[in-house]
Amino acid sequence: MRRNPALPWLARRLRTLGLATALVAGSAALATARPRPATAVPPATMAPRRAPAGLVSRGGRPGLPGFEMAMAAGPLTQSSIAPTPTPPPTPTPAPRTEVLTYQVQPGDNLSIIAQRFKLSQDTIVWANPDLESDPDYLQIGQELKIPPTDGVLHTVQPGDTLSGIAARYKVEAASILAYAPNHLSDASALSVGQQIIVPGGVRPAPPRPTPAPASAPAPASTSGGVLMIPAGAPAVPVAAPAQPGRFVWPTHGVITQYYGRWHGAIDIANNQGTPIVAADAGTVTFAGWSGGLGNAIQIDHGDGFATTYAHLYSIAVRVGQRVEKGAQIGLMGTTGHSTGPHLHLIFTYHGGVINPLDYLPQ
């Protein structure tokens, strides 16, 4: 069989063409690999799928970028993520059951102490007889009994019965018996000297004073050189004429205690040395030391009204001196029964205590 002389030549041509094709393909691949500007590609829309069972146990961490795609599971659904544990509720402290002994702190007054223990002022006063006779009788370091609930703290006396105690304080005997801190097993379990709490009890009111007659002297009287002014608001209001805004504020500061049953004045607190001025024109009828009121000044305004300024650091007027409205009469202090610098401001009409806020600018 004769060989075709054209075949070797054809084979060489095919090899040459193959090499050229490979070179062209390689060049194209190199060109394709060169950096080119990035083109934003919109993300593919995928329907959420539940993560396969056991995914997290193999080391997956839901929520980290790329986790779903890396595991080829698609985005996690809300139902596939373990819920965050809810912290247990903060336990409510048990109600206090014992009578506390509290030491009066700087800046305290009856109102502040009552608010601190979430009790009424009546409850604090009734538990501390010294305050009942003079609610302003507070000094730093003084010890007060603080009942655990509003009501009356009663010490059992000879002849006391549960029904008698309940009637006295206007409550049901069952409420005293049921109050656990009293530790009463039955109505006959009372013992003389025992201290019990009458929840919601009300102390009998003292005899109601009669209204001050219009002919009474305007300024409050004195006894032994001390001003004799009722400590709290009278049970029967004084028939004073309405004159709102007649007087000027005698100082500036913060009202820390208002006029009320146990406090026949307003207290205005500020720094010691804050100026005090006369709330209206008048004649000084008292200027000096007045027991629990400390350094005090009283001014008679000539028409039944009088104003008293107590706990002063210093006094700048004398008895008999005529002063004008707004004239400085002293400096704020903390003398007498006081727990911090403030002005104890008292308004009286024909000797009866009235609310200063009814006569000061609003």
Protein backbone atom coordinates (compact mmCIF):
# COMPACT_ATOMS: atom_id res chain seq x y z
CA MET A 1 0.00 0.00 0.00
CA ARG A 2 1.41 3.31 -1.08
CA ARG A 3 1.57 6.21 1.49
CA ASN A 4 -0.06 9.44 0.47
CA PRO A 5 2.72 12.04 0.39
CA ALA A 6 0.28 14.81 1.48
CA LEU A 7 -0.55 13.33 4.90
CA PRO A 8 2.65 14.36 6.77
CA TRP A 9 2.22 17.93 5.61
CA LEU A 10 -1.45 17.96 6.72
CA ALA A 11 -0.55 16.66 10.18
CA ARG A 12 2.06 19.38 10.64
CA ARG A 13 -0.53 22.06 9.72
CA LEU A 14 -3.08 20.74 12.22
CA ARG A 15 -0.48 20.79 15.02
CA THR A 16 0.41 24.41 14.17
CA LEU A 17 -3.25 25.45 14.18
CA GLY A 18 -3.83 23.77 17.59
CA LEU A 19 -0.92 25.59 19.16
CA ALA A 20 -2.20 28.94 17.85
CA THR A 21 -5.67 28.24 19.17
CA ALA A 22 -4.27 27.45 22.61
CA LEU A 23 -2.27 30.67 22.61
CA VAL A 24 -5.34 32.71 21.70
CA ALA A 25 -7.40 31.00 24.42
CA GLY A 26 -4.71 31.66 27.01
CA SER A 27 -4.53 35.33 26.07
CA ALA A 28 -8.26 35.62 26.39
CA ALA A 29 -8.14 34.03 29.83
CA LEU A 30 -5.46 36.47 30.96
CA ALA A 31 -7.45 39.39 29.68
CA THR A 32 -10.53 38.16 31.49
CA ALA A 33 -8.58 37.89 34.79
CA ARG A 34 -7.51 41.58 34.72
CA PRO A 35 -9.35 43.85 37.26
CA ARG A 36 -12.37 45.62 35.90
CA PRO A 37 -14.77 48.11 37.47
CA ALA A 38 -17.26 46.35 39.75
CA THR A 39 -20.83 46.18 38.58
CA ALA A 40 -23.61 46.16 41.14
CA VAL A 41 -25.64 43.02 40.99
CA PRO A 42 -29.06 43.05 42.54
CA PRO A 43 -29.45 40.39 45.21
CA ALA A 44 -31.36 37.33 44.28
CA THR A 45 -34.83 37.12 45.73
CA MET A 46 -35.18 34.06 47.88
CA ALA A 47 -38.12 32.85 49.83
CA PRO A 48 -37.26 32.36 53.54
CA ARG A 49 -36.64 28.76 54.42
CA ARG A 50 -36.40 27.01 57.78
CA ALA A 51 -32.85 26.16 58.75
CA PRO A 52 -32.12 22.43 58.56
CA ALA A 53 -32.39 20.50 61.80
CA GLY A 54 -29.12 20.29 63.70
CA LEU A 55 -27.66 23.34 61.94
CA VAL A 56 -26.80 25.24 65.10
CA SER A 57 -25.44 22.13 66.82
CA ARG A 58 -22.79 21.85 64.05
CA GLY A 59 -21.30 25.19 65.07
CA GLY A 60 -23.57 27.57 63.14
CA ARG A 61 -24.30 30.96 64.68
CA PRO A 62 -27.58 32.46 63.44
CA GLY A 63 -27.48 36.18 62.76
CA LEU A 64 -23.87 36.44 61.53
CA PRO A 65 -23.39 37.78 57.96
CA GLY A 66 -23.05 35.02 55.37
CA PHE A 67 -24.16 32.29 57.71
CA GLU A 68 -27.28 31.34 55.78
CA MET A 69 -25.55 31.27 52.37
CA ALA A 70 -22.51 29.46 53.71
CA MET A 71 -24.74 26.68 54.98
CA ALA A 72 -26.78 26.73 51.76
CA ALA A 73 -29.86 27.01 53.87
CA GLY A 74 -31.23 30.39 52.79
CA PRO A 75 -32.21 33.17 55.21
CA LEU A 76 -33.40 32.07 58.62
CA THR A 77 -37.02 32.70 59.54
CA GLN A 78 -38.05 34.21 62.88
CA SER A 79 -39.40 30.86 63.99
CA SER A 80 -36.00 29.23 63.59
CA ILE A 81 -34.26 31.55 66.09
CA ALA A 82 -34.42 30.64 69.76
CA PRO A 83 -36.39 33.28 71.75
CA THR A 84 -34.50 35.55 74.17
CA PRO A 85 -35.14 34.37 77.73
CA THR A 86 -37.34 36.76 79.74
CA PRO A 87 -35.65 37.75 83.01
CA PRO A 88 -37.62 36.80 86.10
CA PRO A 89 -39.65 39.67 87.61
CA THR A 90 -38.06 41.64 90.43
CA PRO A 91 -39.57 40.37 93.67
CA THR A 92 -41.73 42.89 95.51
CA PRO A 93 -40.32 43.52 98.98
CA ALA A 94 -42.52 42.31 101.80
CA PRO A 95 -44.44 45.05 103.64
CA ARG A 96 -42.74 46.33 106.75
CA THR A 97 -44.29 44.98 109.94
CA GLU A 98 -42.18 46.46 112.73
CA VAL A 99 -42.12 49.92 114.31
CA LEU A 100 -38.91 51.67 113.27
CA THR A 101 -36.86 54.14 115.25
CA TYR A 102 -35.80 56.98 112.95
CA GLN A 103 -33.23 59.68 113.70
CA VAL A 104 -34.11 63.12 112.37
CA GLN A 105 -31.70 64.21 109.64
CA PRO A 106 -30.58 67.70 108.54
CA GLY A 107 -33.31 69.33 106.47
CA ASP A 108 -36.09 67.07 107.80
CA ASN A 109 -39.55 68.29 108.68
CA LEU A 110 -42.81 66.51 109.42
CA SER A 111 -43.94 66.59 105.80
CA ILE A 112 -40.65 65.22 104.43
CA ILE A 113 -40.51 62.39 106.99
CA ALA A 114 -44.11 61.37 106.27
CA GLN A 115 -43.42 61.28 102.52
CA ARG A 116 -40.22 59.28 103.01
CA PHE A 117 -42.10 56.48 104.79
CA LYS A 118 -45.30 56.82 102.70
CA LEU A 119 -47.36 57.58 105.78
CA SER A 120 -49.72 60.40 106.73
CA GLN A 121 -48.49 63.21 108.94
CA ASP A 122 -51.21 62.22 111.41
CA THR A 123 -49.65 58.77 111.83
CA ILE A 124 -46.19 60.23 112.58
CA VAL A 125 -47.56 62.76 115.06
CA TRP A 126 -49.83 60.29 116.86
CA ALA A 127 -46.91 57.89 117.37
CA ASN A 128 -44.76 60.65 118.94
CA PRO A 129 -46.53 62.59 121.73
CA ASP A 130 -43.91 65.37 121.76
CA LEU A 131 -44.89 66.24 118.20
CA GLU A 132 -48.59 66.28 119.03
CA SER A 133 -48.06 69.13 121.48
CA ASP A 134 -45.64 70.92 119.12
CA PRO A 135 -45.24 69.48 115.59
CA ASP A 136 -42.31 71.82 114.98
CA TYR A 137 -40.39 70.22 117.83
CA LEU A 138 -37.84 68.51 115.59
CA GLN A 139 -34.09 68.52 116.13
CA ILE A 140 -31.29 66.73 114.32
CA GLY A 141 -30.64 63.37 115.95
CA GLN A 142 -34.06 63.25 117.64
CA GLU A 143 -35.56 59.76 117.59
CA LEU A 144 -39.07 59.18 116.24
CA LYS A 145 -41.24 56.07 116.17
CA ILE A 146 -42.35 55.18 112.64
CA PRO A 147 -45.29 52.74 112.44
CA PRO A 148 -45.42 50.31 109.50
CA THR A 149 -48.84 51.49 108.28
CA ASP A 150 -51.21 54.42 108.65
CA GLY A 151 -53.17 54.36 111.87
CA VAL A 152 -52.57 54.63 115.59
CA LEU A 153 -49.87 53.07 117.75
CA HIS A 154 -51.65 52.14 121.00
CA THR A 155 -50.17 50.94 124.28
CA VAL A 156 -52.61 48.69 126.13
CA GLN A 157 -53.75 50.17 129.45
CA PRO A 158 -55.43 48.45 132.43
CA GLY A 159 -59.08 47.86 131.61
CA ASP A 160 -58.58 48.05 127.83
CA THR A 161 -60.55 45.64 125.65
CA LEU A 162 -60.26 45.02 121.97
CA SER A 163 -63.78 46.32 121.32
CA GLY A 164 -63.12 49.41 123.43
CA ILE A 165 -59.88 50.20 121.57
CA ALA A 166 -61.63 49.71 118.23
CA ALA A 167 -64.47 52.05 119.22
CA ARG A 168 -62.04 54.69 120.44
CA TYR A 169 -60.18 54.80 117.14
CA LYS A 170 -63.25 54.26 114.93
CA VAL A 171 -62.33 50.90 113.38
CA GLU A 172 -63.65 47.34 113.52
CA ALA A 173 -62.21 45.09 116.22
CA ALA A 174 -61.69 42.43 113.55
CA SER A 175 -59.20 44.65 111.69
CA ILE A 176 -57.00 44.94 114.80
CA LEU A 177 -57.23 41.19 115.43
CA ALA A 178 -56.48 40.36 111.78
CA TYR A 179 -53.39 42.58 111.55
CA ALA A 180 -50.65 39.92 111.73
CA PRO A 181 -47.91 42.06 113.32
CA ASN A 182 -50.11 42.44 116.42
CA HIS A 183 -49.75 38.68 117.08
CA LEU A 184 -53.21 38.48 118.65
CA SER A 185 -54.71 35.01 118.68
CA ASP A 186 -58.08 36.21 120.01
CA ALA A 187 -59.74 39.23 121.60
CA SER A 188 -58.65 38.19 125.09
CA ALA A 189 -54.95 38.04 124.21
CA LEU A 190 -54.25 41.68 125.18
CA SER A 191 -51.74 42.33 127.96
CA VAL A 192 -51.09 45.57 129.81
CA GLY A 193 -48.14 47.46 128.33
CA GLN A 194 -48.40 45.65 125.00
CA GLN A 195 -48.03 47.93 121.97
CA ILE A 196 -50.44 47.23 119.13
CA ILE A 197 -51.14 48.89 115.81
CA VAL A 198 -54.66 50.02 114.94
CA PRO A 199 -54.65 50.03 111.11
CA GLY A 200 -56.61 52.98 109.74
CA GLY A 201 -57.35 54.24 113.24
CA VAL A 202 -57.99 57.92 113.97
CA ARG A 203 -57.08 59.60 117.25
CA PRO A 204 -59.95 61.44 118.95
CA ALA A 205 -59.86 65.13 118.05
CA PRO A 206 -58.95 67.59 120.81
CA PRO A 207 -61.64 70.02 121.97
CA ARG A 208 -62.52 72.39 119.13
CA PRO A 209 -61.40 75.94 119.80
CA THR A 210 -63.88 78.75 119.43
CA PRO A 211 -63.28 81.35 116.70
CA ALA A 212 -61.12 84.25 117.79
CA PRO A 213 -63.27 87.32 118.44
CA ALA A 214 -62.64 90.30 116.20
CA SER A 215 -61.78 92.45 119.22
CA ALA A 216 -58.82 90.28 120.25
CA PRO A 217 -55.39 91.95 120.12
CA ALA A 218 -53.80 91.72 116.69
CA PRO A 219 -50.35 90.34 117.53
CA ALA A 220 -50.00 86.99 119.29
CA SER A 221 -49.42 87.26 123.02
CA THR A 222 -46.18 86.39 124.78
CA SER A 223 -45.50 84.38 127.91
CA GLY A 224 -42.16 84.54 129.67
CA GLY A 225 -40.77 86.49 126.75
CA VAL A 226 -41.79 83.77 124.25
CA LEU A 227 -44.36 84.19 121.48
CA MET A 228 -47.51 82.18 122.11
CA ILE A 229 -48.69 81.12 118.65
CA PRO A 230 -50.74 77.99 117.88
CA ALA A 231 -48.53 75.32 116.31
CA GLY A 232 -51.07 74.15 113.73
CA ALA A 233 -54.08 75.28 111.77
CA PRO A 234 -57.16 75.78 113.95
CA ALA A 235 -60.02 73.30 113.71
CA VAL A 236 -62.35 76.26 113.26
CA PRO A 237 -61.08 78.56 110.48
CA VAL A 238 -60.43 82.15 111.45
CA ALA A 239 -62.88 84.54 109.83
CA ALA A 240 -60.21 86.64 108.11
CA PRO A 241 -61.07 88.89 105.14
CA ALA A 242 -59.91 87.70 101.72
CA GLN A 243 -57.02 89.88 100.56
CA PRO A 244 -55.01 87.80 98.05
CA GLY A 245 -51.72 89.36 97.05
CA ARG A 246 -51.82 92.00 99.76
CA PHE A 247 -48.41 90.99 101.19
CA VAL A 248 -45.06 90.50 99.42
CA TRP A 249 -42.90 87.39 99.66
CA PRO A 250 -40.47 88.03 102.55
CA THR A 251 -37.72 85.92 101.00
CA HIS A 252 -37.00 83.55 98.12
CA GLY A 253 -36.32 79.82 98.20
CA VAL A 254 -38.17 76.51 98.13
CA ILE A 255 -41.33 75.79 100.14
CA THR A 256 -40.48 72.61 102.03
CA GLN A 257 -43.57 72.46 104.21
CA TYR A 258 -47.02 73.89 103.68
CA TYR A 259 -49.73 75.15 106.01
CA GLY A 260 -51.88 72.40 107.49
CA ARG A 261 -53.34 70.72 110.51
CA TRP A 262 -49.98 70.16 112.17
CA HIS A 263 -48.18 73.17 110.73
CA GLY A 264 -49.72 76.64 111.04
CA ALA A 265 -47.12 78.26 108.79
CA ILE A 266 -45.13 77.74 105.61
CA ASP A 267 -41.41 76.91 105.57
CA ILE A 268 -39.23 78.51 102.89
CA ALA A 269 -35.72 77.00 102.69
CA ASN A 270 -32.59 78.60 101.28
CA ASN A 271 -28.99 79.24 102.30
CA GLN A 272 -28.20 80.66 105.72
CA GLY A 273 -27.87 84.43 105.45
CA THR A 274 -30.55 84.86 102.77
CA PRO A 275 -32.21 88.28 103.39
CA ILE A 276 -35.63 88.43 105.05
CA VAL A 277 -37.87 91.46 104.43
CA ALA A 278 -41.14 92.69 105.95
CA ALA A 279 -44.16 91.28 104.08
CA ASP A 280 -46.04 94.53 104.74
CA ALA A 281 -45.55 97.82 106.56
CA GLY A 282 -46.11 97.80 110.30
CA THR A 283 -44.67 98.09 113.80
CA VAL A 284 -42.30 95.52 115.34
CA THR A 285 -43.98 94.04 118.43
CA PHE A 286 -41.43 91.27 119.12
CA ALA A 287 -37.75 90.87 118.24
CA GLY A 288 -35.61 88.32 120.05
CA TRP A 289 -35.30 84.72 121.17
CA SER A 290 -38.56 82.76 121.30
CA GLY A 291 -37.84 79.20 122.45
CA GLY A 292 -38.45 76.66 119.68
CA LEU A 293 -38.92 79.47 117.15
CA GLY A 294 -35.34 80.61 117.76
CA ASN A 295 -34.64 84.19 116.78
CA ALA A 296 -38.00 85.63 115.79
CA ILE A 297 -39.63 88.88 114.73
CA GLN A 298 -43.31 89.78 114.84
CA ILE A 299 -44.81 92.75 112.99
CA ASP A 300 -48.27 94.19 113.72
CA HIS A 301 -49.79 95.56 110.50
CA GLY A 302 -52.43 97.60 112.28
CA ASP A 303 -55.67 96.08 110.98
CA GLY A 304 -55.81 92.74 112.75
CA PHE A 305 -53.05 91.13 110.64
CA ALA A 306 -49.64 90.22 112.07
CA THR A 307 -46.70 88.33 110.55
CA THR A 308 -44.03 86.34 112.37
CA TYR A 309 -40.60 85.37 111.00
CA ALA A 310 -38.82 82.55 112.88
CA HIS A 311 -35.51 80.60 113.03
CA LEU A 312 -33.57 83.70 111.93
CA TYR A 313 -29.79 83.82 111.92
CA SER A 314 -29.82 87.49 112.91
CA ILE A 315 -32.30 90.28 113.67
CA ALA A 316 -31.95 93.79 112.25
CA VAL A 317 -34.91 95.56 113.93
CA ARG A 318 -36.06 96.39 117.48
CA VAL A 319 -39.39 96.42 119.27
CA GLY A 320 -41.40 99.58 118.53
CA GLN A 321 -39.62 100.27 115.24
CA ARG A 322 -41.74 101.17 112.22
CA VAL A 323 -40.80 99.19 109.09
CA GLU A 324 -41.90 99.58 105.49
CA LYS A 325 -43.07 96.82 103.15
CA GLY A 326 -40.00 95.13 101.63
CA ALA A 327 -37.54 96.53 104.19
CA GLN A 328 -34.89 94.04 105.36
CA ILE A 329 -35.49 92.88 108.92
CA GLY A 330 -33.05 89.97 109.33
CA LEU A 331 -31.25 86.99 107.80
CA MET A 332 -32.42 83.39 107.31
CA GLY A 333 -31.01 80.88 109.76
CA THR A 334 -31.64 77.63 111.61
CA THR A 335 -32.00 78.69 115.27
CA GLY A 336 -34.39 77.07 117.73
CA HIS A 337 -36.07 73.78 116.80
CA SER A 338 -34.82 73.58 113.23
CA THR A 339 -33.06 71.01 111.09
CA GLY A 340 -31.76 73.35 108.40
CA PRO A 341 -31.79 77.00 107.23
CA HIS A 342 -35.32 78.16 106.46
CA LEU A 343 -37.89 80.83 107.24
CA HIS A 344 -40.87 79.70 109.31
CA LEU A 345 -43.49 82.24 108.20
CA ILE A 346 -46.66 82.67 110.28
CA PHE A 347 -49.67 84.84 109.44
CA THR A 348 -52.28 85.62 112.11
CA TYR A 349 -55.52 87.59 112.10
CA HIS A 350 -56.64 88.85 115.50
CA GLY A 351 -54.40 86.16 117.02
CA GLY A 352 -55.77 83.26 114.96
CA VAL A 353 -53.45 81.40 112.59
CA ILE A 354 -54.26 81.70 108.86
CA ASN A 355 -52.70 80.35 105.66
CA PRO A 356 -49.98 82.70 104.33
CA LEU A 357 -50.52 81.45 100.77
CA ASP A 358 -54.00 83.02 100.80
CA TYR A 359 -52.40 86.47 101.11
CA LEU A 360 -49.15 86.20 99.13
CA PRO A 361 -48.79 86.78 95.36
CA GLN A 362 -49.37 83.63 93.32
